[in-house]
Protein backbone atom coordinates (compact mmCIF):
# COMPACT_ATOMS: atom_id res chain seq x y z
CA UNK A 1 104.74 35.84 34.15
CA UNK A 2 103.54 36.04 30.57
CA UNK A 3 99.91 34.77 30.61
CA UNK A 4 99.03 31.63 29.19
CA UNK A 5 97.43 32.12 25.46
CA UNK A 6 93.63 31.75 25.32
CA UNK A 7 92.31 28.34 24.15
CA UNK A 8 89.83 28.30 21.78
CA UNK A 9 88.43 24.93 20.32
CA UNK A 10 88.08 24.34 16.93
CA UNK A 11 84.45 23.50 15.22
CA UNK A 12 85.18 19.76 14.60
CA UNK A 13 86.20 19.31 18.32
CA UNK A 14 83.22 21.39 19.39
CA UNK A 15 81.06 18.93 17.63
CA UNK A 16 82.99 15.56 19.00
CA UNK A 17 82.41 17.24 22.63
CA UNK A 18 79.03 18.05 22.14
CA UNK A 19 78.25 14.29 21.74
CA UNK A 20 80.79 12.73 23.74
CA UNK A 21 79.09 12.93 27.37
CA UNK A 22 78.00 9.35 29.20
CA UNK A 23 76.44 7.82 26.23
CA UNK A 24 75.79 4.12 26.53
CA UNK A 25 77.00 1.81 24.18
CA UNK A 26 73.27 0.35 23.58
CA UNK A 27 70.46 2.62 23.28
CA UNK A 28 68.40 2.42 26.52
CA UNK A 29 64.60 3.23 26.95
CA UNK A 30 64.29 3.78 30.55
CA UNK A 31 60.42 3.46 30.13
CA UNK A 32 58.62 0.06 30.38
CA UNK A 33 60.07 -3.63 31.16
CA UNK A 34 63.41 -4.75 29.92
CA UNK A 35 64.07 -8.30 27.76
CA UNK A 36 65.45 -10.78 30.01
CA UNK A 37 67.34 -13.97 28.92
CA UNK A 38 68.20 -16.90 31.07
CA UNK A 39 72.15 -16.77 31.82
CA UNK A 40 72.29 -20.50 31.33
CA UNK A 41 71.18 -20.40 27.77
CA UNK A 42 73.16 -17.13 27.02
CA UNK A 43 76.55 -19.14 27.79
CA UNK A 44 75.57 -21.83 25.53
CA UNK A 45 74.79 -19.26 22.56
CA UNK A 46 77.54 -16.87 23.04
CA UNK A 47 80.02 -20.08 22.94
CA UNK A 48 78.29 -21.27 19.70
CA UNK A 49 78.61 -17.72 18.19
CA UNK A 50 82.02 -17.46 19.05
CA UNK A 51 83.15 -20.50 17.31
CA UNK A 52 80.95 -19.85 14.29
CA UNK A 53 82.85 -16.42 13.91
CA UNK A 54 85.84 -18.17 13.61
CA UNK A 55 84.71 -20.56 10.95
CA UNK A 56 83.38 -16.86 9.13
CA UNK A 57 86.67 -14.88 9.89
CA UNK A 58 85.02 -11.40 9.91
CA UNK A 59 86.46 -8.28 11.49
CA UNK A 60 85.12 -7.81 14.98
CA UNK A 61 83.23 -4.58 14.34
CA UNK A 62 80.94 -6.58 11.67
CA UNK A 63 80.04 -9.23 13.93
CA UNK A 64 76.68 -8.02 15.43
CA UNK A 65 75.56 -6.49 12.00
CA UNK A 66 76.22 -9.73 10.45
CA UNK A 67 74.54 -11.88 13.04
CA UNK A 68 71.57 -9.42 12.68
CA UNK A 69 71.43 -10.44 8.80
CA UNK A 70 72.07 -13.97 9.45
CA UNK A 71 69.13 -14.24 11.91
CA UNK A 72 66.76 -12.16 9.60
CA UNK A 73 67.73 -14.29 6.64
CA UNK A 74 67.06 -17.56 8.39
CA UNK A 75 63.72 -16.20 9.96
CA UNK A 76 62.47 -15.00 6.80
CA UNK A 77 63.37 -17.94 4.76
CA UNK A 78 60.09 -19.86 5.32
CA UNK A 79 58.20 -16.73 4.93
CA UNK A 80 57.10 -14.14 7.95
CA UNK A 81 57.46 -10.39 8.76
CA UNK A 82 58.16 -8.24 11.37
CA UNK A 83 55.63 -9.46 13.61
CA UNK A 84 57.56 -12.92 13.54
CA UNK A 85 60.63 -11.80 13.34
CA UNK A 86 61.47 -8.72 15.62
CA UNK A 87 61.03 -10.46 18.95
CA UNK A 88 63.08 -13.50 18.36
CA UNK A 89 65.83 -11.35 16.77
CA UNK A 90 66.61 -9.47 19.74
CA UNK A 91 66.20 -12.59 21.98
CA UNK A 92 68.90 -14.07 19.90
CA UNK A 93 71.07 -11.04 20.20
CA UNK A 94 70.93 -10.87 23.94
CA UNK A 95 71.46 -14.49 24.09
CA UNK A 96 74.93 -14.28 22.04
CA UNK A 97 75.93 -11.54 24.08
CA UNK A 98 75.79 -9.09 21.24
CA UNK A 99 73.45 -6.90 23.27
CA UNK A 100 73.51 -6.83 27.45
CA UNK A 101 70.88 -8.47 29.13
CA UNK A 102 68.10 -6.45 31.21
CA UNK A 103 68.91 -3.45 29.26
CA UNK A 104 66.93 -3.48 25.92
CA UNK A 105 63.28 -2.13 26.35
CA UNK A 106 60.32 -4.26 25.02
CA UNK A 107 59.40 -1.27 23.05
CA UNK A 108 62.38 -1.71 21.08
CA UNK A 109 60.54 -4.73 19.50
CA UNK A 110 58.07 -2.51 17.73
CA UNK A 111 60.60 -0.35 16.55
CA UNK A 112 62.54 -3.27 15.09
CA UNK A 113 59.21 -4.78 13.54
CA UNK A 114 58.55 -1.75 11.65
CA UNK A 115 62.14 -1.41 10.08
CA UNK A 116 61.70 -5.09 8.88
CA UNK A 117 58.18 -4.50 7.35
CA UNK A 118 59.52 -1.40 5.61
CA UNK A 119 62.29 -2.94 4.02
CA UNK A 120 60.05 -6.24 3.17
CA UNK A 121 57.47 -3.71 1.48
CA UNK A 122 60.31 -1.86 -0.50
CA UNK A 123 61.47 -5.23 -1.70
CA UNK A 124 58.14 -6.30 -2.89
CA UNK A 125 57.56 -3.18 -4.71
CA UNK A 126 61.10 -3.08 -6.02
CA UNK A 127 60.88 -6.68 -7.57
CA UNK A 128 57.62 -6.02 -9.45
CA UNK A 129 59.52 -4.64 -12.18
CA UNK A 130 62.46 -7.31 -12.09
CA UNK A 131 63.26 -10.77 -13.24
CA UNK A 132 63.47 -13.46 -10.57
CA UNK A 133 67.14 -13.42 -10.42
CA UNK A 134 67.54 -9.71 -10.14
CA UNK A 135 64.55 -9.61 -7.53
CA UNK A 136 66.53 -12.38 -5.39
CA UNK A 137 69.83 -10.24 -5.38
CA UNK A 138 67.79 -7.07 -4.76
CA UNK A 139 65.89 -8.69 -1.71
CA UNK A 140 69.28 -9.74 -0.28
CA UNK A 141 70.49 -6.47 -0.70
CA UNK A 142 67.65 -4.81 1.24
CA UNK A 143 68.28 -7.31 4.09
CA UNK A 144 71.74 -5.93 4.26
CA UNK A 145 70.50 -2.49 4.56
CA UNK A 146 67.60 -3.62 7.14
CA UNK A 147 70.62 -5.35 9.30
CA UNK A 148 72.65 -2.03 9.32
CA UNK A 149 69.63 0.06 10.25
CA UNK A 150 68.42 -2.18 13.09
CA UNK A 151 71.95 -2.47 14.51
CA UNK A 152 72.29 1.21 14.57
CA UNK A 153 68.87 1.65 16.15
CA UNK A 154 69.65 -0.99 18.78
CA UNK A 155 73.37 0.70 19.70
CA UNK A 156 74.16 4.11 19.80
CA UNK A 157 75.58 5.60 16.88
CA UNK A 158 75.99 9.24 18.01
CA UNK A 159 79.51 9.01 18.92
CA UNK A 160 80.40 7.49 15.47
CA UNK A 161 78.64 10.02 13.47
CA UNK A 162 80.03 13.13 15.56
CA UNK A 163 83.62 11.58 14.95
CA UNK A 164 82.96 11.06 11.21
CA UNK A 165 81.38 14.48 10.74
CA UNK A 166 84.54 16.15 12.48
CA UNK A 167 87.13 14.55 10.24
CA UNK A 168 84.84 14.91 7.16
CA UNK A 169 84.84 18.75 8.08
CA UNK A 170 88.60 18.76 8.67
CA UNK A 171 89.32 17.18 5.31
CA UNK A 172 86.97 19.19 3.22
CA UNK A 173 88.35 22.33 4.65
CA UNK A 174 92.25 21.43 4.75
CA UNK A 175 92.70 19.11 1.80
CA UNK A 176 94.34 20.72 -1.13
CA UNK A 177 93.84 18.73 -4.24
CA UNK A 178 96.06 19.45 -7.58
CA UNK A 179 93.76 19.18 -10.25
CA UNK A 180 90.42 19.67 -8.42
CA UNK A 181 89.18 21.41 -11.29
CA UNK A 182 88.52 17.96 -12.94
CA UNK A 183 86.19 16.98 -10.18
CA UNK A 184 83.04 18.61 -9.49
CA UNK A 185 83.02 19.94 -5.64
CA UNK A 186 79.62 17.84 -4.67
CA UNK A 187 81.44 14.62 -6.18
CA UNK A 188 84.66 15.44 -4.29
CA UNK A 189 82.87 16.14 -1.37
CA UNK A 190 80.76 12.92 -1.46
CA UNK A 191 84.03 10.71 -2.14
CA UNK A 192 85.56 12.23 0.95
CA UNK A 193 82.41 11.43 2.73
CA UNK A 194 82.67 7.97 1.58
CA UNK A 195 86.29 7.58 2.38
CA UNK A 196 85.63 8.88 6.14
CA UNK A 197 83.16 5.94 6.47
CA UNK A 198 85.51 3.31 5.24
CA UNK A 199 88.66 4.61 6.82
CA UNK A 200 87.60 5.90 10.41
CA UNK A 201 84.31 3.80 10.79
CA UNK A 202 85.61 0.91 8.93
CA UNK A 203 82.31 0.74 6.71
CA UNK A 204 81.78 -2.70 4.79
CA UNK A 205 79.95 -2.61 1.40
CA UNK A 206 76.82 -2.99 3.22
CA UNK A 207 77.03 -0.27 5.82
CA UNK A 208 78.16 2.12 3.09
CA UNK A 209 75.33 1.48 0.65
CA UNK A 210 73.08 2.11 4.03
CA UNK A 211 75.08 5.28 4.56
CA UNK A 212 74.34 6.27 0.77
CA UNK A 213 70.66 4.96 0.98
CA UNK A 214 70.21 7.50 3.68
CA UNK A 215 71.71 10.28 2.01
CA UNK A 216 69.72 10.02 -1.11
CA UNK A 217 66.40 9.26 1.10
CA UNK A 218 66.43 11.41 4.23
CA UNK A 219 62.94 11.15 4.35
CA UNK A 220 63.24 7.42 4.38
CA UNK A 221 61.58 7.00 7.95
CA UNK A 222 58.42 9.01 7.33
CA UNK A 223 57.41 7.18 4.08
CA UNK A 224 53.73 5.97 3.75
CA UNK A 225 52.64 2.97 1.61
CA UNK A 226 52.11 5.06 -1.80
CA UNK A 227 55.67 6.42 -1.09
CA UNK A 228 57.48 3.36 -0.79
CA UNK A 229 55.64 1.71 -3.60
CA UNK A 230 56.67 4.73 -6.02
CA UNK A 231 60.32 4.54 -4.55
CA UNK A 232 60.09 0.78 -5.13
CA UNK A 233 59.35 0.88 -8.85
CA UNK A 234 62.19 3.41 -9.53
CA UNK A 235 64.89 2.20 -6.99
CA UNK A 236 66.89 0.50 -9.93
CA UNK A 237 67.75 3.85 -11.02
CA UNK A 238 68.55 4.94 -7.57
CA UNK A 239 70.95 2.03 -6.73
CA UNK A 240 72.61 2.32 -9.88
CA UNK A 241 73.34 6.00 -9.22
CA UNK A 242 74.66 4.75 -5.54
CA UNK A 243 76.88 2.12 -7.13
CA UNK A 244 78.29 5.04 -9.61
CA UNK A 245 79.45 6.91 -6.21
CA UNK A 246 80.27 3.56 -4.12
CA UNK A 247 82.53 2.52 -6.75
CA UNK A 248 83.83 5.62 -8.21
CA UNK A 249 87.34 5.40 -9.90
CA UNK A 250 88.62 7.98 -7.32
CA UNK A 251 87.24 6.15 -4.32
CA UNK A 252 90.57 4.50 -3.45
CA UNK A 253 92.38 7.71 -3.85
CA UNK A 254 90.26 9.43 -1.39
CA UNK A 255 90.65 6.13 0.86
CA UNK A 256 94.28 6.23 0.79
CA UNK A 257 94.28 9.53 1.81
CA UNK A 258 91.72 9.45 4.76
CA UNK A 259 93.72 6.34 6.30
CA UNK A 260 96.38 8.57 7.15
CA UNK A 261 94.60 10.48 9.49
CA UNK A 262 91.85 8.12 11.11
CA UNK A 263 94.27 7.61 14.22
CA UNK A 264 94.38 10.95 15.39
CA UNK A 265 90.65 10.87 15.67
CA UNK A 266 90.24 7.98 17.29
CA UNK A 267 92.72 8.70 19.94
CA UNK A 268 90.51 12.12 20.53
CA UNK A 269 87.59 9.90 20.85
CA UNK A 270 89.56 7.73 23.36
CA UNK A 271 90.66 10.91 25.46
CA UNK A 272 86.97 12.03 25.31
CA UNK A 273 85.43 9.03 26.81
CA UNK A 274 88.23 8.23 29.39
CA UNK A 275 86.34 11.05 31.46
CA UNK A 276 83.31 11.97 29.62
CA UNK A 277 82.03 14.42 32.10
CA UNK A 278 85.49 16.42 32.17
CA UNK A 279 86.14 16.05 28.56
CA UNK A 280 86.01 19.85 28.08
CA UNK A 281 88.43 20.40 31.14
CA UNK A 282 91.03 17.70 29.54
CA UNK A 283 91.02 19.52 26.08
CA UNK A 284 91.25 22.81 27.78
CA UNK A 285 94.68 22.21 29.16
CA UNK A 286 97.47 21.17 26.61
CA UNK A 287 99.30 19.63 29.51
CA UNK A 288 96.32 17.52 30.71
CA UNK A 289 95.66 16.57 26.93
CA UNK A 290 99.19 15.45 26.29
CA UNK A 291 98.97 13.22 29.30
CA UNK A 292 95.60 11.91 28.34
CA UNK A 293 97.20 11.18 24.81
CA UNK A 294 100.05 9.35 26.08
CA UNK A 295 97.77 6.87 28.44
CA UNK A 296 95.10 6.58 25.40
CA UNK A 297 97.93 5.81 22.97
CA UNK A 298 99.28 3.26 25.34
CA UNK A 299 96.12 1.63 25.41
CA UNK A 300 95.55 1.44 22.05
CA UNK A 301 99.26 0.09 21.45
CA UNK A 302 98.42 -2.83 24.31
CA UNK A 303 95.03 -3.48 22.66
CA UNK A 304 96.76 -3.75 19.30
CA UNK A 305 99.15 -6.57 20.73
CA UNK A 306 96.33 -8.39 22.04
CA UNK A 307 94.05 -8.03 19.03
CA UNK A 308 97.21 -9.28 16.96
CA UNK A 309 97.25 -12.54 19.39
CA UNK A 310 93.54 -13.05 18.96
CA UNK A 311 93.58 -12.52 15.11
CA UNK A 312 96.27 -14.90 14.90
CA UNK A 313 94.72 -17.71 17.09
CA UNK A 314 91.44 -17.26 14.84
CA UNK A 315 93.25 -17.22 11.44
CA UNK A 316 95.21 -20.28 12.54
CA UNK A 317 92.14 -22.17 13.61
CA UNK A 318 90.22 -20.96 10.56
CA UNK A 319 93.20 -22.17 8.19
CA UNK A 320 93.59 -25.56 10.02
CA UNK A 321 89.78 -26.39 9.99
CA UNK A 322 89.55 -25.64 6.22
CA UNK A 323 92.90 -27.16 5.31
CA UNK A 324 92.08 -30.42 7.14
CA UNK A 325 88.54 -30.48 5.29
CA UNK A 326 89.86 -30.05 2.14
CA UNK A 327 92.67 -32.52 2.74
CA UNK A 328 90.27 -35.19 3.65
CA UNK A 329 87.93 -34.54 0.72
CA UNK A 330 90.38 -33.78 -2.12
CA UNK A 331 94.40 -34.21 -1.25
CA UNK A 332 94.19 -37.40 0.27
CA UNK A 333 91.83 -39.54 -2.09
CA UNK A 334 93.66 -38.05 -5.18
CA UNK A 335 96.98 -39.32 -3.64
CA UNK A 336 95.77 -42.65 -2.78
CA UNK A 337 93.82 -43.01 -6.13
CA UNK A 338 96.68 -41.88 -8.28
CA UNK A 339 99.71 -42.80 -6.45
CA UNK A 340 98.28 -45.68 -4.16
CA UNK A 341 99.77 -44.05 -1.13
CA UNK A 342 99.93 -40.66 0.71
CA UNK A 343 103.21 -38.30 0.00
CA UNK A 344 104.03 -37.51 3.61
CA UNK A 345 106.83 -34.93 2.49
CA UNK A 346 104.12 -32.78 0.60
CA UNK A 347 101.51 -33.34 3.12
CA UNK A 348 103.82 -32.25 5.71
CA UNK A 349 104.79 -29.05 3.96
CA UNK A 350 101.15 -28.15 3.23
CA UNK A 351 100.48 -28.81 6.85
CA UNK A 352 103.38 -26.74 8.25
CA UNK A 353 104.52 -24.07 5.73
CA UNK A 354 101.31 -21.90 6.13
CA UNK A 355 101.08 -21.51 9.95
CA UNK A 356 104.99 -20.99 9.99
CA UNK A 357 104.37 -18.06 7.18
CA UNK A 358 101.67 -16.58 9.43
CA UNK A 359 104.07 -16.54 12.49
CA UNK A 360 107.00 -15.15 10.93
CA UNK A 361 104.96 -12.33 9.27
CA UNK A 362 103.41 -11.59 12.36
CA UNK A 363 106.55 -11.75 14.40
CA UNK A 364 107.89 -8.73 12.40
CA UNK A 365 105.25 -6.31 13.69
CA UNK A 366 106.58 -3.70 16.05
CA UNK A 367 104.84 -1.45 18.65
CA UNK A 368 104.90 2.17 17.72
CA UNK A 369 107.80 4.57 18.98
CA UNK A 370 107.49 7.34 21.23
CA UNK A 371 108.34 9.39 18.42
CA UNK A 372 104.86 8.07 17.01
CA UNK A 373 103.18 9.45 19.95
CA UNK A 374 104.67 12.72 19.90
CA UNK A 375 103.07 12.87 16.17
CA UNK A 376 100.05 11.93 17.40
CA UNK A 377 99.81 14.65 19.86
CA UNK A 378 101.25 17.17 17.39
CA UNK A 379 98.50 16.53 14.88
CA UNK A 380 95.61 16.38 17.72
CA UNK A 381 96.67 19.85 18.60
CA UNK A 382 96.28 20.96 14.99
CA UNK A 383 92.74 19.30 14.96
CA UNK A 384 91.58 20.53 18.45
CA UNK A 385 92.70 24.07 18.53
CA UNK A 386 91.40 26.93 16.44
CA UNK A 387 93.96 29.06 14.47
CA UNK A 388 96.95 26.56 15.35
CA UNK A 389 97.95 26.42 11.50
CA UNK A 390 96.99 22.89 10.58
CA UNK A 391 99.70 21.37 8.61
CA UNK A 392 98.20 17.70 9.04
CA UNK A 393 96.73 17.62 5.37
CA UNK A 394 98.85 17.72 2.53
CA UNK A 395 98.63 18.63 -0.99
CA UNK A 396 97.14 15.52 -2.96
CA UNK A 397 97.38 15.20 -6.57
CA UNK A 398 94.67 13.60 -8.71
CA UNK A 399 95.54 10.33 -10.20
CA UNK A 400 96.00 11.05 -14.16
CA UNK A 401 94.08 9.25 -16.35
CA UNK A 402 96.08 6.91 -18.11
CA UNK A 403 95.67 6.56 -22.06
CA UNK A 404 94.94 3.42 -23.98
CA UNK A 405 98.55 2.79 -24.86
CA UNK A 406 99.78 3.22 -21.11
CA UNK A 407 96.79 1.26 -19.91
CA UNK A 408 97.93 -1.58 -22.12
CA UNK A 409 101.48 -1.31 -20.84
CA UNK A 410 100.42 -1.42 -17.44
CA UNK A 411 98.05 -4.47 -17.98
CA UNK A 412 100.97 -6.41 -19.62
CA UNK A 413 103.34 -5.42 -16.90
CA UNK A 414 100.87 -6.39 -14.27
CA UNK A 415 100.06 -9.60 -16.06
CA UNK A 416 103.67 -10.61 -16.09
CA UNK A 417 104.05 -10.18 -12.41
CA UNK A 418 101.34 -12.86 -11.85
CA UNK A 419 102.69 -15.11 -14.45
CA UNK A 420 106.30 -14.81 -13.18
CA UNK A 421 105.18 -15.22 -9.36
CA UNK A 422 102.87 -18.26 -9.63
CA UNK A 423 105.19 -19.56 -12.67
CA UNK A 424 108.10 -19.49 -10.09
CA UNK A 425 105.93 -20.93 -6.97
CA UNK A 426 104.50 -23.59 -9.42
CA UNK A 427 108.22 -24.56 -10.60
CA UNK A 428 109.30 -24.99 -7.24
CA UNK A 429 106.63 -26.88 -6.05
CA UNK A 430 106.77 -29.50 -8.73
CA UNK A 431 110.53 -30.02 -8.05
CA UNK A 432 109.51 -30.90 -4.64
CA UNK A 433 107.14 -33.70 -6.09
CA UNK A 434 103.74 -31.92 -5.49
CA UNK A 435 100.96 -33.16 -7.49
CA UNK A 436 98.18 -31.06 -9.12
CA UNK A 437 96.08 -31.20 -6.10
CA UNK A 438 98.46 -30.71 -3.44
CA UNK A 439 100.06 -28.08 -5.38
CA UNK A 440 96.87 -26.22 -6.03
CA UNK A 441 95.78 -26.67 -2.29
CA UNK A 442 99.29 -24.96 -1.23
CA UNK A 443 98.90 -22.04 -3.64
CA UNK A 444 95.35 -21.78 -2.21
CA UNK A 445 96.33 -21.43 1.29
CA UNK A 446 99.37 -19.68 0.60
CA UNK A 447 97.13 -16.74 -1.18
CA UNK A 448 94.81 -16.97 1.94
CA UNK A 449 97.38 -16.91 4.75
CA UNK A 450 99.29 -13.88 2.90
CA UNK A 451 96.32 -11.82 2.74
CA UNK A 452 95.11 -12.70 6.58
CA UNK A 453 98.78 -12.25 7.51
CA UNK A 454 99.17 -8.78 5.76
CA UNK A 455 95.73 -7.59 6.84
CA UNK A 456 96.52 -8.33 10.37
CA UNK A 457 99.63 -6.53 9.97
CA UNK A 458 97.86 -3.56 8.59
CA UNK A 459 95.33 -3.56 11.55
CA UNK A 460 98.17 -3.60 14.10
CA UNK A 461 99.71 -0.68 12.53
CA UNK A 462 96.93 1.48 12.14
CA UNK A 463 98.14 3.89 15.03
CA UNK A 464 101.57 4.59 13.25
CA UNK A 465 101.33 8.02 11.71
CA UNK A 466 105.01 8.44 11.15
CA UNK A 467 106.00 8.15 7.56
CA UNK A 468 107.12 4.96 6.16
CA UNK A 469 109.69 4.67 3.37
CA UNK A 470 110.64 1.89 1.47
CA UNK A 471 113.79 1.20 -0.47
CA UNK A 472 114.46 -1.26 -3.47
CA UNK A 473 114.16 -4.09 -1.57
CA UNK A 474 110.61 -3.13 -0.40
CA UNK A 475 109.86 -2.68 -4.27
CA UNK A 476 111.15 -5.99 -5.06
CA UNK A 477 109.18 -7.76 -2.38
CA UNK A 478 106.15 -6.00 -3.61
CA UNK A 479 106.58 -7.12 -7.09
CA UNK A 480 106.27 -10.85 -6.17
CA UNK A 481 103.79 -10.57 -3.23
CA UNK A 482 100.96 -8.06 -4.64
CA UNK A 483 99.91 -10.97 -7.17
CA UNK A 484 99.54 -13.57 -4.35
CA UNK A 485 97.71 -10.97 -2.05
CA UNK A 486 95.53 -9.78 -4.74
CA UNK A 487 94.28 -13.26 -5.52
CA UNK A 488 93.98 -13.92 -1.45
CA UNK A 489 91.82 -11.06 -1.38
CA UNK A 490 89.77 -12.14 -4.37
CA UNK A 491 89.21 -15.59 -2.57
CA UNK A 492 88.59 -14.23 1.04
CA UNK A 493 85.72 -11.89 -0.49
CA UNK A 494 83.94 -14.87 -2.08
CA UNK A 495 85.04 -17.72 0.23
CA UNK A 496 81.63 -16.88 2.44
CA UNK A 497 79.69 -17.90 -0.54
CA UNK A 498 81.41 -21.21 -0.88
CA UNK A 499 82.22 -21.82 2.54
CA UNK A 500 81.28 -25.28 3.22
CA UNK A 501 81.80 -24.97 7.05
CA UNK A 502 79.56 -22.02 7.17
CA UNK A 503 76.72 -23.82 5.12
CA UNK A 504 76.97 -26.78 7.75
CA UNK A 505 76.42 -24.18 10.56
CA UNK A 506 74.16 -21.89 9.09
CA UNK A 507 71.45 -24.70 7.56
CA UNK A 508 72.10 -27.78 9.41
CA UNK A 509 73.27 -26.83 12.94
CA UNK A 510 71.97 -23.01 13.67
CA UNK A 511 68.19 -23.34 12.87
CA UNK A 512 67.89 -26.67 15.34
CA UNK A 513 70.32 -25.35 17.74
CA UNK A 514 68.45 -22.30 17.96
CA UNK A 515 64.97 -23.84 18.09
CA UNK A 516 66.99 -25.78 21.32
CA UNK A 517 67.66 -22.61 22.90
CA UNK A 518 64.28 -21.27 22.47
CA UNK A 519 62.92 -24.15 24.08
CA UNK A 520 65.33 -24.14 27.13
CA UNK A 521 64.48 -19.96 27.42
CA UNK A 522 60.77 -20.96 27.76
CA UNK A 523 61.54 -23.56 30.27
CA UNK A 524 63.97 -21.68 32.36
CA UNK A 525 61.15 -18.80 32.24
CA UNK A 526 58.26 -21.17 33.37
CA UNK A 527 60.74 -22.52 36.31
CA UNK A 528 61.39 -19.11 37.50
CA UNK A 529 57.60 -18.17 37.53
CA UNK A 530 56.78 -21.24 39.25
CA UNK A 531 59.70 -20.57 42.08
CA UNK A 532 58.37 -16.88 42.33
CA UNK A 533 54.85 -18.27 43.10
CA UNK A 534 56.09 -20.60 45.81
CA UNK A 535 58.12 -17.82 47.44
């Protein structure tokens, strides 16, 4: 019998396997006492948090980080420091079940306190050279970085970092860029790094800012007061440089390229986590690896279906509550004032159409096929094994810069799509008897629902690696839908700043509710102590 060829792991896979032993989701400190909260209080807090997150409608992987930012902001609103915030912050996170009960060591309070105080000091020094509006914006930006650092301190980031480093290595080694002489190597590599953070780890702007912040300042954790003061006084220039990199014109080009390959690395992670202590054995056998890939892909497909249903429900509740609020505030009073009566047909269309549109778009989503799983296996083989002749990454051509004439022509054409699309929608609504307010609400929710639905569709299709081809019909659909989606994206990015429901929750409900929970926590702790004294 011919001998089986010797399998040699590639360097990216070795990097991943080196970190994917039994690592907890939360960084545990085995020494010292652990923080405990009441289960009854935790149930109340978690129910509140789930309902509030429906109103906010953010991606699930951002919820804990956003909760940290929200709690810090609320607790610092009336002044304070790491001393007054750190312990309460961890308590609230455990109560809301963002962190497990009885697993976070008391020593973490000191670590979080130091993080908060360091950012407050940097914000103070940076603000000394700014006017009030810029100082306030800079302070909010620092609090965002602070939230990211606290989350990565309380939760293990080792696996994510190893996976991102592996994907970065594969892309920098194998990505052939036509026209690369037009971009300097450090800039190219940094844009690949940013694309990996955004595509693989789904980093939002705050998380990406923190990643660049740490790249610029590797000595951040060892800075003394004098170094922090010096950094603060020159931080405007540093942030401007970071913004140039974060919003580089080629950023979208590298992001689109990176998104094609994230599913391969996610499956590699799933396979390694299935049996962490036997991960090397799994990858050492092609047959065992292929079976593990099939299982991991099957789980991911099933999770995509569950996530799809959950996202649709969250979107429906978000849209329903927002629509009812705006209808009560704007549409019904306007029609009663102008017409003296409510137009039931337009009101009915405004209520039924958008959930129906969400359902129709969601119903077109299909589970990936066996061919897709086979393609996943092929790509993972190329990544995992040395000397397999990777064909995963293809040649990519840098987009050519348009001259003034071409820019103007494209801008005119792009503007025409907006005029035609929204002109046709407006004409149709007028024919149906919509007034200005009801028509504006219809278009507002059409853009929001379309954007949410397409985002859900994209999320559900993340593991499809087969080439997708679109014909003339797809081009025709894109022509009319892209303006709607662009407006929906613009609104969704700014909605949290003007979300009335969030304002009610965060400023009128959350503070007194969390104070009530704090009292309940103290009471249950007191009763537990008295019970232990009796026993």
